[in-house]
């Protein structure tokens, strides 16, 4: 009798242990627990494409093209389109260099992916939890990387957006991100995304164009206490002859300790004068801060964020 009761107690204890284990797994479906999460706190900015006070970059366009990885494996048809786009963009840059004014600058608060990770004058924070990692940018754009084991949104419910549909998982201290369904924020509804290089305030050059079927894989990790690394692979058989590999490094900003959002709609530190960006002094106490945004040109903006520059 005592032996039978002892067996029942042992079985009940084992069952209780299983229930506790199942609940623990359900609470942390990702591959890492809260205690195992890396600390990527702080503000981060792209090394080689750092912002300046004018809303542009400290680096020239030629420096960005030379110092950062690009080299897209475009197929012949896509390369022909990009070459045509670059010819027009180079013509515009030559006019600016001669002191002429194309007068085609306009403001935009949305950069979209993959530009957010590749070359923008923005800072970002990384908010890490076991079920989701959020990349929060100073343009008020957010990338949600779900690490709770879910799959991508089903095809029938999937809508392309400028930031795509992202899921991920942890491999040790490396965040692996998988993104699909990316569209250009300024293009037609069926347009894919553009990859562009920026420099100075008005420097812009299209590097590649992608379809909405492009598939992005990123591996982000901390390489030392002050730097993150993102290794991006783009797979797009319609426009690329092979996977496109790029690497970016982000540096922890030392002089800013909280998120400072770009307020494209409520203030105007970089007013457009005669079609070009300028730097305005701070408003005086008697001078009200502008409340109306500077209107974009009446013509539809190009299918990329080429002349887009956030207020700084």
C-alpha atoms as a PDB file:
ATOM      1  CA  UNK A   1       0.000   0.000   0.000  1.00  0.00           C
ATOM      2  CA  UNK A   2       2.790   2.375   0.990  1.00  0.00           C
ATOM      3  CA  UNK A   3       4.685   1.397  -2.169  1.00  0.00           C
ATOM      4  CA  UNK A   4       1.654   2.184  -4.351  1.00  0.00           C
ATOM      5  CA  UNK A   5       1.234   5.607  -2.710  1.00  0.00           C
ATOM      6  CA  UNK A   6       4.911   6.340  -3.182  1.00  0.00           C
ATOM      7  CA  UNK A   7       4.675   5.507  -6.892  1.00  0.00           C
ATOM      8  CA  UNK A   8       1.632   7.759  -7.300  1.00  0.00           C
ATOM      9  CA  UNK A   9       3.455  10.615  -5.566  1.00  0.00           C
ATOM     10  CA  UNK A  10       6.477  10.102  -7.804  1.00  0.00           C
ATOM     11  CA  UNK A  11       4.309  10.133 -10.945  1.00  0.00           C
ATOM     12  CA  UNK A  12       2.508  13.284  -9.793  1.00  0.00           C
ATOM     13  CA  UNK A  13       5.816  15.017  -9.119  1.00  0.00           C
ATOM     14  CA  UNK A  14       7.116  14.042 -12.552  1.00  0.00           C
ATOM     15  CA  UNK A  15       3.932  15.299 -14.212  1.00  0.00           C
ATOM     16  CA  UNK A  16       4.227  18.583 -12.347  1.00  0.00           C
ATOM     17  CA  UNK A  17       7.827  18.955 -13.512  1.00  0.00           C
ATOM     18  CA  UNK A  18       6.769  18.383 -17.120  1.00  0.00           C
ATOM     19  CA  UNK A  19       4.040  21.016 -16.809  1.00  0.00           C
ATOM     20  CA  UNK A  20       6.520  23.533 -15.370  1.00  0.00           C
ATOM     21  CA  UNK A  21       8.955  22.812 -18.215  1.00  0.00           C
ATOM     22  CA  UNK A  22       6.252  23.197 -20.879  1.00  0.00           C
ATOM     23  CA  UNK A  23       5.142  26.508 -19.371  1.00  0.00           C
ATOM     24  CA  UNK A  24       8.727  27.753 -19.341  1.00  0.00           C
ATOM     25  CA  UNK A  25       9.176  26.866 -23.010  1.00  0.00           C
ATOM     26  CA  UNK A  26       5.872  28.514 -23.893  1.00  0.00           C
ATOM     27  CA  UNK A  27       6.930  31.663 -22.059  1.00  0.00           C
ATOM     28  CA  UNK A  28      10.205  31.873 -24.020  1.00  0.00           C
ATOM     29  CA  UNK A  29       9.554  30.365 -27.473  1.00  0.00           C
ATOM     30  CA  UNK A  30      12.620  32.132 -28.897  1.00  0.00           C
ATOM     31  CA  UNK A  31      16.055  30.523 -28.803  1.00  0.00           C
ATOM     32  CA  UNK A  32      17.352  32.806 -26.049  1.00  0.00           C
ATOM     33  CA  UNK A  33      15.997  33.782 -22.638  1.00  0.00           C
ATOM     34  CA  UNK A  34      15.808  37.290 -21.254  1.00  0.00           C
ATOM     35  CA  UNK A  35      19.014  36.661 -19.300  1.00  0.00           C
ATOM     36  CA  UNK A  36      20.799  35.546 -22.481  1.00  0.00           C
ATOM     37  CA  UNK A  37      19.810  38.574 -24.545  1.00  0.00           C
ATOM     38  CA  UNK A  38      22.738  40.776 -25.662  1.00  0.00           C
ATOM     39  CA  UNK A  39      22.935  44.400 -24.561  1.00  0.00           C
ATOM     40  CA  UNK A  40      22.808  46.599 -27.658  1.00  0.00           C
ATOM     41  CA  UNK A  41      21.543  49.675 -25.842  1.00  0.00           C
ATOM     42  CA  UNK A  42      22.380  53.182 -26.998  1.00  0.00           C
ATOM     43  CA  UNK A  43      22.178  55.079 -30.267  1.00  0.00           C
ATOM     44  CA  UNK A  44      23.800  53.654 -33.402  1.00  0.00           C
ATOM     45  CA  UNK A  45      24.813  55.273 -36.684  1.00  0.00           C
ATOM     46  CA  UNK A  46      26.251  53.922 -39.917  1.00  0.00           C
ATOM     47  CA  UNK A  47      30.049  53.982 -40.149  1.00  0.00           C
ATOM     48  CA  UNK A  48      30.999  55.686 -43.417  1.00  0.00           C
ATOM     49  CA  UNK A  49      27.704  57.559 -43.757  1.00  0.00           C
ATOM     50  CA  UNK A  50      27.450  59.783 -40.688  1.00  0.00           C
ATOM     51  CA  UNK A  51      24.953  62.674 -40.462  1.00  0.00           C
ATOM     52  CA  UNK A  52      25.843  66.354 -40.343  1.00  0.00           C
ATOM     53  CA  UNK A  53      23.858  69.418 -39.251  1.00  0.00           C
ATOM     54  CA  UNK A  54      22.458  70.149 -42.717  1.00  0.00           C
ATOM     55  CA  UNK A  55      20.417  66.962 -42.892  1.00  0.00           C
ATOM     56  CA  UNK A  56      22.972  65.298 -45.151  1.00  0.00           C
ATOM     57  CA  UNK A  57      26.247  63.456 -44.629  1.00  0.00           C
ATOM     58  CA  UNK A  58      29.768  64.297 -43.551  1.00  0.00           C
ATOM     59  CA  UNK A  59      30.989  62.136 -46.439  1.00  0.00           C
ATOM     60  CA  UNK A  60      30.765  62.992 -50.129  1.00  0.00           C
ATOM     61  CA  UNK A  61      28.923  60.676 -52.496  1.00  0.00           C
ATOM     62  CA  UNK A  62      32.232  59.538 -53.997  1.00  0.00           C
ATOM     63  CA  UNK A  63      33.545  58.659 -50.533  1.00  0.00           C
ATOM     64  CA  UNK A  64      30.419  56.630 -49.784  1.00  0.00           C
ATOM     65  CA  UNK A  65      30.704  54.803 -53.114  1.00  0.00           C
ATOM     66  CA  UNK A  66      34.379  54.032 -52.538  1.00  0.00           C
ATOM     67  CA  UNK A  67      34.431  53.180 -48.835  1.00  0.00           C
ATOM     68  CA  UNK A  68      31.241  51.124 -48.503  1.00  0.00           C
ATOM     69  CA  UNK A  69      30.412  47.754 -50.082  1.00  0.00           C
ATOM     70  CA  UNK A  70      28.057  47.867 -53.087  1.00  0.00           C
ATOM     71  CA  UNK A  71      28.861  45.840 -56.286  1.00  0.00           C
ATOM     72  CA  UNK A  72      25.389  44.497 -57.163  1.00  0.00           C
ATOM     73  CA  UNK A  73      25.281  41.379 -59.422  1.00  0.00           C
ATOM     74  CA  UNK A  74      22.640  42.883 -61.720  1.00  0.00           C
ATOM     75  CA  UNK A  75      21.426  40.982 -64.744  1.00  0.00           C
ATOM     76  CA  UNK A  76      21.711  42.655 -68.144  1.00  0.00           C
ATOM     77  CA  UNK A  77      18.190  44.058 -68.285  1.00  0.00           C
ATOM     78  CA  UNK A  78      18.331  45.483 -64.768  1.00  0.00           C
ATOM     79  CA  UNK A  79      21.796  46.931 -65.330  1.00  0.00           C
ATOM     80  CA  UNK A  80      20.560  48.745 -68.436  1.00  0.00           C
ATOM     81  CA  UNK A  81      17.779  50.359 -66.389  1.00  0.00           C
ATOM     82  CA  UNK A  82      20.167  51.326 -63.592  1.00  0.00           C
ATOM     83  CA  UNK A  83      22.701  52.753 -66.070  1.00  0.00           C
ATOM     84  CA  UNK A  84      19.963  54.923 -67.557  1.00  0.00           C
ATOM     85  CA  UNK A  85      18.914  56.144 -64.115  1.00  0.00           C
ATOM     86  CA  UNK A  86      22.506  56.854 -63.123  1.00  0.00           C
ATOM     87  CA  UNK A  87      23.089  58.881 -66.288  1.00  0.00           C
ATOM     88  CA  UNK A  88      20.293  61.251 -65.323  1.00  0.00           C
ATOM     89  CA  UNK A  89      21.464  61.392 -61.717  1.00  0.00           C
ATOM     90  CA  UNK A  90      25.064  62.120 -62.733  1.00  0.00           C
ATOM     91  CA  UNK A  91      23.828  64.887 -65.031  1.00  0.00           C
ATOM     92  CA  UNK A  92      22.011  66.446 -62.109  1.00  0.00           C
ATOM     93  CA  UNK A  93      25.095  66.168 -59.867  1.00  0.00           C
ATOM     94  CA  UNK A  94      27.246  67.816 -62.539  1.00  0.00           C
ATOM     95  CA  UNK A  95      24.785  70.709 -62.699  1.00  0.00           C
ATOM     96  CA  UNK A  96      24.971  71.145 -58.923  1.00  0.00           C
ATOM     97  CA  UNK A  97      28.797  71.105 -59.087  1.00  0.00           C
ATOM     98  CA  UNK A  98      28.700  73.901 -61.707  1.00  0.00           C
ATOM     99  CA  UNK A  99      26.615  75.998 -59.339  1.00  0.00           C
ATOM    100  CA  UNK A 100      23.408  75.430 -61.250  1.00  0.00           C
ATOM    101  CA  UNK A 101      20.246  74.648 -59.322  1.00  0.00           C
ATOM    102  CA  UNK A 102      18.078  71.722 -60.424  1.00  0.00           C
ATOM    103  CA  UNK A 103      15.503  72.913 -57.826  1.00  0.00           C
ATOM    104  CA  UNK A 104      14.203  69.410 -57.280  1.00  0.00           C
ATOM    105  CA  UNK A 105      14.908  68.852 -53.588  1.00  0.00           C
ATOM    106  CA  UNK A 106      11.965  67.711 -51.486  1.00  0.00           C
ATOM    107  CA  UNK A 107      11.510  66.481 -47.943  1.00  0.00           C
ATOM    108  CA  UNK A 108      10.607  62.965 -46.976  1.00  0.00           C
ATOM    109  CA  UNK A 109      10.199  61.365 -43.570  1.00  0.00           C
ATOM    110  CA  UNK A 110      10.257  57.777 -44.834  1.00  0.00           C
ATOM    111  CA  UNK A 111      13.381  55.968 -46.035  1.00  0.00           C
ATOM    112  CA  UNK A 112      12.192  52.379 -45.967  1.00  0.00           C
ATOM    113  CA  UNK A 113      14.147  49.146 -46.076  1.00  0.00           C
ATOM    114  CA  UNK A 114      16.837  48.205 -47.046  1.00  0.00           C
ATOM    115  CA  UNK A 115      18.025  51.838 -47.182  1.00  0.00           C
ATOM    116  CA  UNK A 116      17.537  52.202 -43.426  1.00  0.00           C
ATOM    117  CA  UNK A 117      20.315  49.687 -42.865  1.00  0.00           C
ATOM    118  CA  UNK A 118      22.574  50.595 -45.781  1.00  0.00           C
ATOM    119  CA  UNK A 119      22.981  54.358 -46.094  1.00  0.00           C
ATOM    120  CA  UNK A 120      20.842  56.989 -44.327  1.00  0.00           C
ATOM    121  CA  UNK A 121      21.696  59.946 -42.041  1.00  0.00           C
ATOM    122  CA  UNK A 122      19.719  58.372 -39.206  1.00  0.00           C
ATOM    123  CA  UNK A 123      20.406  56.945 -35.788  1.00  0.00           C
ATOM    124  CA  UNK A 124      18.613  53.916 -34.405  1.00  0.00           C
ATOM    125  CA  UNK A 125      18.054  51.997 -31.190  1.00  0.00           C
ATOM    126  CA  UNK A 126      17.716  48.228 -30.765  1.00  0.00           C
ATOM    127  CA  UNK A 127      15.067  47.067 -28.302  1.00  0.00           C
ATOM    128  CA  UNK A 128      15.537  43.342 -27.597  1.00  0.00           C
ATOM    129  CA  UNK A 129      13.014  41.006 -25.964  1.00  0.00           C
ATOM    130  CA  UNK A 130      12.769  37.201 -26.167  1.00  0.00           C
ATOM    131  CA  UNK A 131       9.783  37.358 -28.548  1.00  0.00           C
ATOM    132  CA  UNK A 132      10.648  40.384 -30.669  1.00  0.00           C
ATOM    133  CA  UNK A 133      13.469  42.763 -31.507  1.00  0.00           C
ATOM    134  CA  UNK A 134      12.555  46.274 -32.644  1.00  0.00           C
ATOM    135  CA  UNK A 135      14.892  48.572 -34.569  1.00  0.00           C
ATOM    136  CA  UNK A 136      13.684  52.122 -33.894  1.00  0.00           C
ATOM    137  CA  UNK A 137      15.000  54.854 -36.205  1.00  0.00           C
ATOM    138  CA  UNK A 138      15.167  58.610 -35.660  1.00  0.00           C
ATOM    139  CA  UNK A 139      12.888  59.045 -38.687  1.00  0.00           C
ATOM    140  CA  UNK A 140      10.199  57.377 -36.531  1.00  0.00           C
ATOM    141  CA  UNK A 141      10.342  54.256 -38.648  1.00  0.00           C
ATOM    142  CA  UNK A 142      10.367  50.889 -36.858  1.00  0.00           C
ATOM    143  CA  UNK A 143      11.396  47.428 -38.009  1.00  0.00           C
ATOM    144  CA  UNK A 144       9.690  44.612 -36.082  1.00  0.00           C
ATOM    145  CA  UNK A 145      11.692  41.366 -36.063  1.00  0.00           C
ATOM    146  CA  UNK A 146       9.550  38.614 -34.526  1.00  0.00           C
ATOM    147  CA  UNK A 147      11.621  35.924 -32.812  1.00  0.00           C
ATOM    148  CA  UNK A 148       8.787  33.911 -31.245  1.00  0.00           C
ATOM    149  CA  UNK A 149       8.921  31.112 -33.803  1.00  0.00           C
ATOM    150  CA  UNK A 150       6.182  32.378 -36.124  1.00  0.00           C
ATOM    151  CA  UNK A 151       6.403  32.129 -39.901  1.00  0.00           C
ATOM    152  CA  UNK A 152       6.008  34.939 -42.408  1.00  0.00           C
ATOM    153  CA  UNK A 153       2.523  36.348 -42.926  1.00  0.00           C
ATOM    154  CA  UNK A 154       0.533  33.977 -45.183  1.00  0.00           C
ATOM    155  CA  UNK A 155       0.578  34.967 -48.839  1.00  0.00           C
ATOM    156  CA  UNK A 156      -3.151  35.737 -48.955  1.00  0.00           C
ATOM    157  CA  UNK A 157      -2.752  38.228 -46.084  1.00  0.00           C
ATOM    158  CA  UNK A 158       0.647  39.629 -47.051  1.00  0.00           C
ATOM    159  CA  UNK A 159       0.906  43.256 -48.176  1.00  0.00           C
ATOM    160  CA  UNK A 160       4.207  44.757 -49.273  1.00  0.00           C
ATOM    161  CA  UNK A 161       5.326  47.765 -47.204  1.00  0.00           C
ATOM    162  CA  UNK A 162       8.434  49.992 -47.164  1.00  0.00           C
ATOM    163  CA  UNK A 163       9.742  47.941 -44.203  1.00  0.00           C
ATOM    164  CA  UNK A 164       8.721  44.466 -45.290  1.00  0.00           C
ATOM    165  CA  UNK A 165       7.580  41.462 -43.274  1.00  0.00           C
ATOM    166  CA  UNK A 166      10.347  40.296 -40.903  1.00  0.00           C
ATOM    167  CA  UNK A 167      10.892  37.283 -38.702  1.00  0.00           C
ATOM    168  CA  UNK A 168      14.081  36.090 -37.048  1.00  0.00           C
ATOM    169  CA  UNK A 169      15.867  33.903 -34.543  1.00  0.00           C
ATOM    170  CA  UNK A 170      18.962  33.990 -32.381  1.00  0.00           C
ATOM    171  CA  UNK A 171      22.081  31.968 -33.063  1.00  0.00           C
ATOM    172  CA  UNK A 172      23.993  32.598 -29.871  1.00  0.00           C
ATOM    173  CA  UNK A 173      24.576  36.374 -29.792  1.00  0.00           C
ATOM    174  CA  UNK A 174      23.786  36.823 -33.503  1.00  0.00           C
ATOM    175  CA  UNK A 175      20.328  37.986 -34.596  1.00  0.00           C
ATOM    176  CA  UNK A 176      19.339  36.365 -37.904  1.00  0.00           C
ATOM    177  CA  UNK A 177      16.652  38.419 -39.700  1.00  0.00           C
ATOM    178  CA  UNK A 178      14.545  37.252 -42.636  1.00  0.00           C
ATOM    179  CA  UNK A 179      12.580  39.893 -44.560  1.00  0.00           C
ATOM    180  CA  UNK A 180      10.217  39.706 -47.560  1.00  0.00           C
ATOM    181  CA  UNK A 181       7.530  41.853 -49.223  1.00  0.00           C
ATOM    182  CA  UNK A 182       9.423  45.159 -49.455  1.00  0.00           C
ATOM    183  CA  UNK A 183       8.147  47.995 -51.652  1.00  0.00           C
ATOM    184  CA  UNK A 184       9.475  51.432 -52.495  1.00  0.00           C
ATOM    185  CA  UNK A 185       7.890  54.118 -50.269  1.00  0.00           C
ATOM    186  CA  UNK A 186       7.557  56.520 -53.215  1.00  0.00           C
ATOM    187  CA  UNK A 187       6.973  54.181 -56.137  1.00  0.00           C
ATOM    188  CA  UNK A 188       3.789  52.688 -57.600  1.00  0.00           C
ATOM    189  CA  UNK A 189       2.040  49.927 -55.618  1.00  0.00           C
ATOM    190  CA  UNK A 190       3.730  47.122 -57.540  1.00  0.00           C
ATOM    191  CA  UNK A 191       7.246  48.613 -57.379  1.00  0.00           C
ATOM    192  CA  UNK A 192       9.995  46.852 -55.478  1.00  0.00           C
ATOM    193  CA  UNK A 193      12.708  48.633 -53.531  1.00  0.00           C
ATOM    194  CA  UNK A 194      15.672  50.663 -54.721  1.00  0.00           C
ATOM    195  CA  UNK A 195      19.175  50.518 -53.269  1.00  0.00           C
ATOM    196  CA  UNK A 196      20.825  53.926 -53.391  1.00  0.00           C
ATOM    197  CA  UNK A 197      24.007  55.613 -52.196  1.00  0.00           C
ATOM    198  CA  UNK A 198      23.835  59.046 -50.555  1.00  0.00           C
ATOM    199  CA  UNK A 199      26.480  61.668 -49.810  1.00  0.00           C
ATOM    200  CA  UNK A 200      26.694  65.351 -48.922  1.00  0.00           C
ATOM    201  CA  UNK A 201      23.227  66.920 -48.815  1.00  0.00           C
ATOM    202  CA  UNK A 202      22.054  66.352 -52.382  1.00  0.00           C
ATOM    203  CA  UNK A 203      24.337  63.555 -53.557  1.00  0.00           C
ATOM    204  CA  UNK A 204      22.373  60.522 -54.711  1.00  0.00           C
ATOM    205  CA  UNK A 205      23.032  57.585 -57.031  1.00  0.00           C
ATOM    206  CA  UNK A 206      20.909  54.508 -57.702  1.00  0.00           C
ATOM    207  CA  UNK A 207      22.929  51.323 -57.163  1.00  0.00           C
ATOM    208  CA  UNK A 208      20.328  48.661 -57.846  1.00  0.00           C
ATOM    209  CA  UNK A 209      16.611  48.047 -58.183  1.00  0.00           C
ATOM    210  CA  UNK A 210      14.818  45.055 -56.733  1.00  0.00           C
ATOM    211  CA  UNK A 211      11.430  43.429 -57.164  1.00  0.00           C
ATOM    212  CA  UNK A 212       8.850  42.879 -54.433  1.00  0.00           C
ATOM    213  CA  UNK A 213       9.861  39.207 -54.539  1.00  0.00           C
ATOM    214  CA  UNK A 214      13.326  40.029 -53.193  1.00  0.00           C
ATOM    215  CA  UNK A 215      14.320  38.053 -50.097  1.00  0.00           C
ATOM    216  CA  UNK A 216      16.625  39.654 -47.509  1.00  0.00           C
ATOM    217  CA  UNK A 217      18.661  37.784 -44.907  1.00  0.00           C
ATOM    218  CA  UNK A 218      20.682  39.658 -42.272  1.00  0.00           C
ATOM    219  CA  UNK A 219      23.051  38.512 -39.556  1.00  0.00           C
ATOM    220  CA  UNK A 220      23.575  41.209 -36.921  1.00  0.00           C
ATOM    221  CA  UNK A 221      26.052  40.873 -34.070  1.00  0.00           C
ATOM    222  CA  UNK A 222      28.196  42.991 -31.782  1.00  0.00           C
ATOM    223  CA  UNK A 223      31.831  42.845 -32.869  1.00  0.00           C
ATOM    224  CA  UNK A 224      33.120  44.938 -29.959  1.00  0.00           C
ATOM    225  CA  UNK A 225      31.662  47.147 -27.234  1.00  0.00           C
ATOM    226  CA  UNK A 226      31.149  50.079 -29.585  1.00  0.00           C
ATOM    227  CA  UNK A 227      30.251  48.453 -32.913  1.00  0.00           C
ATOM    228  CA  UNK A 228      27.493  46.339 -34.448  1.00  0.00           C
ATOM    229  CA  UNK A 229      27.903  44.488 -37.734  1.00  0.00           C
ATOM    230  CA  UNK A 230      25.133  43.626 -40.184  1.00  0.00           C
ATOM    231  CA  UNK A 231      25.840  41.136 -42.978  1.00  0.00           C
ATOM    232  CA  UNK A 232      23.046  41.427 -45.535  1.00  0.00           C
ATOM    233  CA  UNK A 233      22.294  39.003 -48.363  1.00  0.00           C
ATOM    234  CA  UNK A 234      19.700  39.886 -51.008  1.00  0.00           C
ATOM    235  CA  UNK A 235      18.176  37.142 -53.172  1.00  0.00           C
ATOM    236  CA  UNK A 236      16.168  38.362 -56.172  1.00  0.00           C
ATOM    237  CA  UNK A 237      16.434  36.027 -59.201  1.00  0.00           C
ATOM    238  CA  UNK A 238      14.350  38.392 -61.332  1.00  0.00           C
ATOM    239  CA  UNK A 239      16.925  41.199 -61.139  1.00  0.00           C
ATOM    240  CA  UNK A 240      20.132  39.605 -59.817  1.00  0.00           C
ATOM    241  CA  UNK A 241      22.375  36.920 -61.290  1.00  0.00           C
ATOM    242  CA  UNK A 242      23.522  35.794 -57.821  1.00  0.00           C
ATOM    243  CA  UNK A 243      22.894  36.642 -54.169  1.00  0.00           C
ATOM    244  CA  UNK A 244      24.026  40.178 -53.371  1.00  0.00           C
ATOM    245  CA  UNK A 245      26.213  40.413 -50.253  1.00  0.00           C
ATOM    246  CA  UNK A 246      26.837  43.644 -48.351  1.00  0.00           C
ATOM    247  CA  UNK A 247      28.292  44.392 -44.927  1.00  0.00           C
ATOM    248  CA  UNK A 248      27.623  47.433 -42.782  1.00  0.00           C
ATOM    249  CA  UNK A 249      29.093  48.503 -39.451  1.00  0.00           C
ATOM    250  CA  UNK A 250      27.301  50.748 -36.949  1.00  0.00           C
ATOM    251  CA  UNK A 251      29.029  52.774 -34.246  1.00  0.00           C
ATOM    252  CA  UNK A 252      27.575  53.569 -30.835  1.00  0.00           C
ATOM    253  CA  UNK A 253      27.045  57.348 -30.631  1.00  0.00           C
ATOM    254  CA  UNK A 254      28.830  58.824 -27.622  1.00  0.00           C
ATOM    255  CA  UNK A 255      27.385  62.342 -27.437  1.00  0.00           C
ATOM    256  CA  UNK A 256      23.665  61.462 -27.528  1.00  0.00           C
ATOM    257  CA  UNK A 257      22.049  59.326 -24.846  1.00  0.00           C
ATOM    258  CA  UNK A 258      18.393  59.282 -25.872  1.00  0.00           C
ATOM    259  CA  UNK A 259      16.404  59.047 -29.069  1.00  0.00           C
ATOM    260  CA  UNK A 260      15.995  62.382 -30.875  1.00  0.00           C
ATOM    261  CA  UNK A 261      13.323  62.026 -33.530  1.00  0.00           C
ATOM    262  CA  UNK A 262      13.403  63.882 -36.833  1.00  0.00           C
ATOM    263  CA  UNK A 263      10.293  66.076 -36.868  1.00  0.00           C
ATOM    264  CA  UNK A 264       9.658  66.480 -40.576  1.00  0.00           C
ATOM    265  CA  UNK A 265       6.139  67.775 -40.021  1.00  0.00           C
ATOM    266  CA  UNK A 266       6.442  70.112 -37.057  1.00  0.00           C
ATOM    267  CA  UNK A 267       9.618  72.142 -37.448  1.00  0.00           C
ATOM    268  CA  UNK A 268      11.883  73.376 -40.180  1.00  0.00           C
ATOM    269  CA  UNK A 269      15.572  73.383 -39.332  1.00  0.00           C
ATOM    270  CA  UNK A 270      16.421  72.698 -42.985  1.00  0.00           C
ATOM    271  CA  UNK A 271      14.059  74.846 -45.077  1.00  0.00           C
ATOM    272  CA  UNK A 272      14.118  74.445 -48.850  1.00  0.00           C
ATOM    273  CA  UNK A 273      15.106  77.756 -50.476  1.00  0.00           C
ATOM    274  CA  UNK A 274      15.183  77.999 -54.269  1.00  0.00           C
ATOM    275  CA  UNK A 275      14.963  74.214 -54.500  1.00  0.00           C
ATOM    276  CA  UNK A 276      17.936  73.549 -52.198  1.00  0.00           C
ATOM    277  CA  UNK A 277      18.248  72.616 -48.537  1.00  0.00           C
ATOM    278  CA  UNK A 278      19.507  75.322 -46.173  1.00  0.00           C
ATOM    279  CA  UNK A 279      20.329  75.451 -42.456  1.00  0.00           C
ATOM    280  CA  UNK A 280      18.127  77.795 -40.419  1.00  0.00           C
ATOM    281  CA  UNK A 281      19.152  79.318 -37.059  1.00  0.00           C
ATOM    282  CA  UNK A 282      17.158  78.348 -33.948  1.00  0.00           C
ATOM    283  CA  UNK A 283      13.956  80.371 -33.592  1.00  0.00           C
ATOM    284  CA  UNK A 284      14.036  83.262 -31.144  1.00  0.00           C
ATOM    285  CA  UNK A 285      11.603  83.575 -28.278  1.00  0.00           C
ATOM    286  CA  UNK A 286       9.561  86.096 -30.238  1.00  0.00           C
ATOM    287  CA  UNK A 287       9.669  84.106 -33.465  1.00  0.00           C
ATOM    288  CA  UNK A 288       7.103  81.275 -33.510  1.00  0.00           C
ATOM    289  CA  UNK A 289       8.287  77.882 -34.682  1.00  0.00           C
ATOM    290  CA  UNK A 290       6.809  77.016 -38.095  1.00  0.00           C
ATOM    291  CA  UNK A 291       3.944  74.553 -37.821  1.00  0.00           C
ATOM    292  CA  UNK A 292       3.344  73.869 -41.483  1.00  0.00           C
ATOM    293  CA  UNK A 293       5.563  71.423 -43.406  1.00  0.00           C
ATOM    294  CA  UNK A 294       7.330  72.514 -46.550  1.00  0.00           C
ATOM    295  CA  UNK A 295       5.341  71.118 -49.424  1.00  0.00           C
ATOM    296  CA  UNK A 296       6.933  68.612 -51.767  1.00  0.00           C
ATOM    297  CA  UNK A 297       7.000  69.405 -55.486  1.00  0.00           C
ATOM    298  CA  UNK A 298       3.682  69.022 -57.278  1.00  0.00           C
ATOM    299  CA  UNK A 299       5.222  66.440 -59.576  1.00  0.00           C
ATOM    300  CA  UNK A 300       5.283  62.880 -58.284  1.00  0.00           C
ATOM    301  CA  UNK A 301       8.606  62.056 -56.597  1.00  0.00           C
ATOM    302  CA  UNK A 302      10.884  59.523 -58.272  1.00  0.00           C
ATOM    303  CA  UNK A 303      10.598  55.806 -57.571  1.00  0.00           C
ATOM    304  CA  UNK A 304      13.260  56.115 -54.889  1.00  0.00           C
ATOM    305  CA  UNK A 305      14.107  58.429 -52.005  1.00  0.00           C
ATOM    306  CA  UNK A 306      16.901  59.985 -54.020  1.00  0.00           C
ATOM    307  CA  UNK A 307      16.695  63.599 -52.940  1.00  0.00           C
ATOM    308  CA  UNK A 308      15.030  62.771 -49.665  1.00  0.00           C
ATOM    309  CA  UNK A 309      16.776  64.204 -46.634  1.00  0.00           C
ATOM    310  CA  UNK A 310      15.405  64.364 -43.105  1.00  0.00           C
ATOM    311  CA  UNK A 311      15.499  67.542 -41.085  1.00  0.00           C
ATOM    312  CA  UNK A 312      18.451  67.656 -38.780  1.00  0.00           C
END
